Amino acid sequence: MKLHLFPAILMRKYSSQASKDNDFLHFGTAKERYDQFVKRYPDLALSVPLQCIASYLRITPQSFSRIRKEAVR
């Protein structure tokens, strides 16, 4: 998968969720955005490179790693 195409693929694949995505991407904490992403797109959470997900959610890689580590506990 070409990393620069990830946002376009996500929006095309889940276009019915597009307007709701705007809300969850712009509000809430980084953890809340991650939780919503995993809830809405569990298959993408497992198949897309982590740095792409972090970028999409506007979370630094370091914070993203910490959030994922805490979610496993």
N, C-alpha and C. Protein backbone atom coordinates (compact mmCIF):
# COMPACT_ATOMS: atom_id res chain seq x y z
N MET A 1 0.86 -1.19 0.00
CA MET A 1 0.00 0.00 0.00
C MET A 1 0.89 1.24 0.00
N LYS A 2 0.57 2.16 -0.85
CA LYS A 2 1.32 3.42 -0.87
C LYS A 2 0.77 4.31 0.24
N LEU A 3 1.66 4.71 1.13
CA LEU A 3 1.25 5.43 2.33
C LEU A 3 0.55 6.74 2.04
N HIS A 4 0.94 7.44 1.00
CA HIS A 4 0.32 8.74 0.71
C HIS A 4 -1.12 8.59 0.24
N LEU A 5 -1.53 7.39 -0.14
CA LEU A 5 -2.90 7.16 -0.60
C LEU A 5 -3.86 6.77 0.52
N PHE A 6 -3.35 6.53 1.72
CA PHE A 6 -4.17 6.05 2.82
C PHE A 6 -5.41 6.90 3.09
N PRO A 7 -5.31 8.23 3.25
CA PRO A 7 -6.53 9.01 3.52
C PRO A 7 -7.58 8.87 2.41
N ALA A 8 -7.15 8.87 1.16
CA ALA A 8 -8.11 8.75 0.05
C ALA A 8 -8.77 7.38 0.05
N ILE A 9 -7.99 6.33 0.32
CA ILE A 9 -8.55 4.98 0.37
C ILE A 9 -9.54 4.87 1.51
N LEU A 10 -9.19 5.41 2.65
CA LEU A 10 -10.09 5.37 3.81
C LEU A 10 -11.40 6.08 3.51
N MET A 11 -11.32 7.26 2.94
CA MET A 11 -12.53 8.03 2.66
C MET A 11 -13.39 7.34 1.60
N ARG A 12 -12.77 6.77 0.60
CA ARG A 12 -13.53 6.08 -0.44
C ARG A 12 -14.20 4.83 0.11
N LYS A 13 -13.46 4.08 0.89
CA LYS A 13 -13.97 2.82 1.42
C LYS A 13 -15.11 3.04 2.41
N TYR A 14 -15.02 4.09 3.15
CA TYR A 14 -16.00 4.36 4.20
C TYR A 14 -16.70 5.69 3.98
N SER A 15 -17.10 5.97 2.76
CA SER A 15 -17.67 7.27 2.43
C SER A 15 -18.94 7.59 3.21
N SER A 16 -19.71 6.58 3.61
CA SER A 16 -20.92 6.85 4.38
C SER A 16 -20.60 7.40 5.76
N GLN A 17 -19.39 7.18 6.22
CA GLN A 17 -18.97 7.68 7.52
C GLN A 17 -18.24 9.02 7.42
N ALA A 18 -18.04 9.53 6.22
CA ALA A 18 -17.18 10.68 6.00
C ALA A 18 -17.56 11.89 6.84
N SER A 19 -18.82 12.24 6.90
CA SER A 19 -19.20 13.43 7.66
C SER A 19 -19.02 13.22 9.15
N LYS A 20 -19.26 12.02 9.63
CA LYS A 20 -19.04 11.74 11.05
C LYS A 20 -17.57 11.72 11.39
N ASP A 21 -16.73 11.31 10.44
CA ASP A 21 -15.29 11.28 10.67
C ASP A 21 -14.76 12.68 10.99
N ASN A 22 -15.28 13.66 10.30
CA ASN A 22 -14.84 15.03 10.57
C ASN A 22 -14.98 15.36 12.04
N ASP A 23 -16.10 15.00 12.64
CA ASP A 23 -16.31 15.31 14.05
C ASP A 23 -15.31 14.59 14.95
N PHE A 24 -15.15 13.30 14.77
CA PHE A 24 -14.28 12.58 15.70
C PHE A 24 -12.80 12.92 15.48
N LEU A 25 -12.44 13.38 14.30
CA LEU A 25 -11.04 13.75 14.06
C LEU A 25 -10.69 15.12 14.61
N HIS A 26 -11.67 15.97 14.83
CA HIS A 26 -11.38 17.34 15.26
C HIS A 26 -11.66 17.61 16.73
N PHE A 27 -12.30 16.68 17.39
CA PHE A 27 -12.64 16.89 18.79
C PHE A 27 -12.19 15.70 19.63
N GLY A 28 -12.03 15.94 20.89
CA GLY A 28 -11.66 14.86 21.80
C GLY A 28 -10.16 14.74 21.95
N THR A 29 -9.80 13.91 22.89
CA THR A 29 -8.39 13.67 23.16
C THR A 29 -7.82 12.71 22.13
N ALA A 30 -6.51 12.58 22.12
CA ALA A 30 -5.87 11.63 21.22
C ALA A 30 -6.37 10.22 21.50
N LYS A 31 -6.54 9.87 22.74
CA LYS A 31 -7.03 8.53 23.10
C LYS A 31 -8.46 8.33 22.59
N GLU A 32 -9.29 9.35 22.72
CA GLU A 32 -10.67 9.25 22.23
C GLU A 32 -10.71 9.08 20.71
N ARG A 33 -9.83 9.79 20.00
CA ARG A 33 -9.77 9.65 18.55
C ARG A 33 -9.31 8.24 18.17
N TYR A 34 -8.31 7.72 18.88
CA TYR A 34 -7.85 6.35 18.62
C TYR A 34 -8.96 5.34 18.91
N ASP A 35 -9.62 5.47 20.04
CA ASP A 35 -10.71 4.55 20.39
C ASP A 35 -11.81 4.56 19.33
N GLN A 36 -12.18 5.74 18.86
CA GLN A 36 -13.20 5.84 17.82
C GLN A 36 -12.74 5.21 16.51
N PHE A 37 -11.48 5.41 16.17
CA PHE A 37 -10.95 4.82 14.95
C PHE A 37 -11.03 3.30 15.00
N VAL A 38 -10.58 2.72 16.12
CA VAL A 38 -10.60 1.26 16.27
C VAL A 38 -12.03 0.73 16.26
N LYS A 39 -12.94 1.47 16.89
CA LYS A 39 -14.34 1.06 16.92
C LYS A 39 -14.96 1.10 15.52
N ARG A 40 -14.68 2.16 14.78
CA ARG A 40 -15.28 2.34 13.45
C ARG A 40 -14.62 1.48 12.38
N TYR A 41 -13.31 1.30 12.49
CA TYR A 41 -12.55 0.63 11.43
C TYR A 41 -11.63 -0.46 11.99
N PRO A 42 -12.19 -1.47 12.62
CA PRO A 42 -11.32 -2.50 13.23
C PRO A 42 -10.42 -3.21 12.22
N ASP A 43 -10.90 -3.40 11.01
CA ASP A 43 -10.07 -4.07 10.00
C ASP A 43 -8.89 -3.20 9.57
N LEU A 44 -9.11 -1.90 9.46
CA LEU A 44 -8.01 -1.00 9.09
C LEU A 44 -7.02 -0.86 10.23
N ALA A 45 -7.50 -0.90 11.45
CA ALA A 45 -6.61 -0.78 12.60
C ALA A 45 -5.59 -1.92 12.62
N LEU A 46 -5.94 -3.05 12.02
CA LEU A 46 -5.04 -4.20 11.98
C LEU A 46 -4.21 -4.29 10.70
N SER A 47 -4.62 -3.61 9.65
CA SER A 47 -3.95 -3.80 8.37
C SER A 47 -3.17 -2.59 7.85
N VAL A 48 -3.40 -1.43 8.39
CA VAL A 48 -2.73 -0.21 7.92
C VAL A 48 -1.51 0.05 8.81
N PRO A 49 -0.41 0.49 8.21
CA PRO A 49 0.79 0.81 9.01
C PRO A 49 0.46 1.82 10.12
N LEU A 50 1.05 1.58 11.27
CA LEU A 50 0.75 2.41 12.44
C LEU A 50 1.07 3.88 12.24
N GLN A 51 2.15 4.18 11.53
CA GLN A 51 2.49 5.59 11.32
C GLN A 51 1.42 6.30 10.49
N CYS A 52 0.76 5.57 9.62
CA CYS A 52 -0.33 6.16 8.81
C CYS A 52 -1.54 6.47 9.68
N ILE A 53 -1.86 5.55 10.57
CA ILE A 53 -3.00 5.77 11.47
C ILE A 53 -2.71 6.95 12.38
N ALA A 54 -1.51 7.00 12.94
CA ALA A 54 -1.14 8.11 13.82
C ALA A 54 -1.25 9.44 13.09
N SER A 55 -0.77 9.49 11.88
CA SER A 55 -0.83 10.71 11.08
C SER A 55 -2.28 11.10 10.80
N TYR A 56 -3.09 10.13 10.40
CA TYR A 56 -4.51 10.38 10.11
C TYR A 56 -5.23 10.95 11.32
N LEU A 57 -4.89 10.42 12.50
CA LEU A 57 -5.54 10.87 13.74
C LEU A 57 -4.89 12.12 14.33
N ARG A 58 -3.85 12.60 13.67
CA ARG A 58 -3.11 13.78 14.14
C ARG A 58 -2.53 13.55 15.53
N ILE A 59 -1.87 12.41 15.69
CA ILE A 59 -1.22 12.03 16.94
C ILE A 59 0.24 11.77 16.62
N THR A 60 1.15 12.23 17.47
CA THR A 60 2.56 11.95 17.23
C THR A 60 2.80 10.44 17.38
N PRO A 61 3.80 9.92 16.68
CA PRO A 61 4.09 8.49 16.80
C PRO A 61 4.36 8.06 18.25
N GLN A 62 5.02 8.92 19.03
CA GLN A 62 5.31 8.59 20.42
C GLN A 62 4.02 8.49 21.24
N SER A 63 3.14 9.45 21.09
CA SER A 63 1.87 9.41 21.81
C SER A 63 1.02 8.25 21.34
N PHE A 64 1.02 7.99 20.05
CA PHE A 64 0.25 6.88 19.50
C PHE A 64 0.71 5.55 20.10
N SER A 65 2.01 5.39 20.20
CA SER A 65 2.57 4.17 20.78
C SER A 65 2.14 4.02 22.24
N ARG A 66 2.20 5.10 22.99
CA ARG A 66 1.79 5.08 24.41
C ARG A 66 0.31 4.75 24.54
N ILE A 67 -0.53 5.37 23.72
CA ILE A 67 -1.97 5.13 23.76
C ILE A 67 -2.28 3.67 23.45
N ARG A 68 -1.64 3.11 22.44
CA ARG A 68 -1.87 1.70 22.09
C ARG A 68 -1.40 0.78 23.20
N LYS A 69 -0.29 1.11 23.81
CA LYS A 69 0.24 0.29 24.91
C LYS A 69 -0.73 0.29 26.08
N GLU A 70 -1.28 1.45 26.42
CA GLU A 70 -2.24 1.55 27.53
C GLU A 70 -3.55 0.86 27.19
N ALA A 71 -3.94 0.84 25.93
CA ALA A 71 -5.19 0.21 25.51
C ALA A 71 -5.12 -1.30 25.67
N VAL A 72 -3.94 -1.87 25.53
CA VAL A 72 -3.77 -3.32 25.65
C VAL A 72 -3.95 -3.76 27.10
N ARG A 73 -3.64 -2.91 28.03
CA ARG A 73 -3.71 -3.26 29.46
C ARG A 73 -5.09 -3.47 29.92
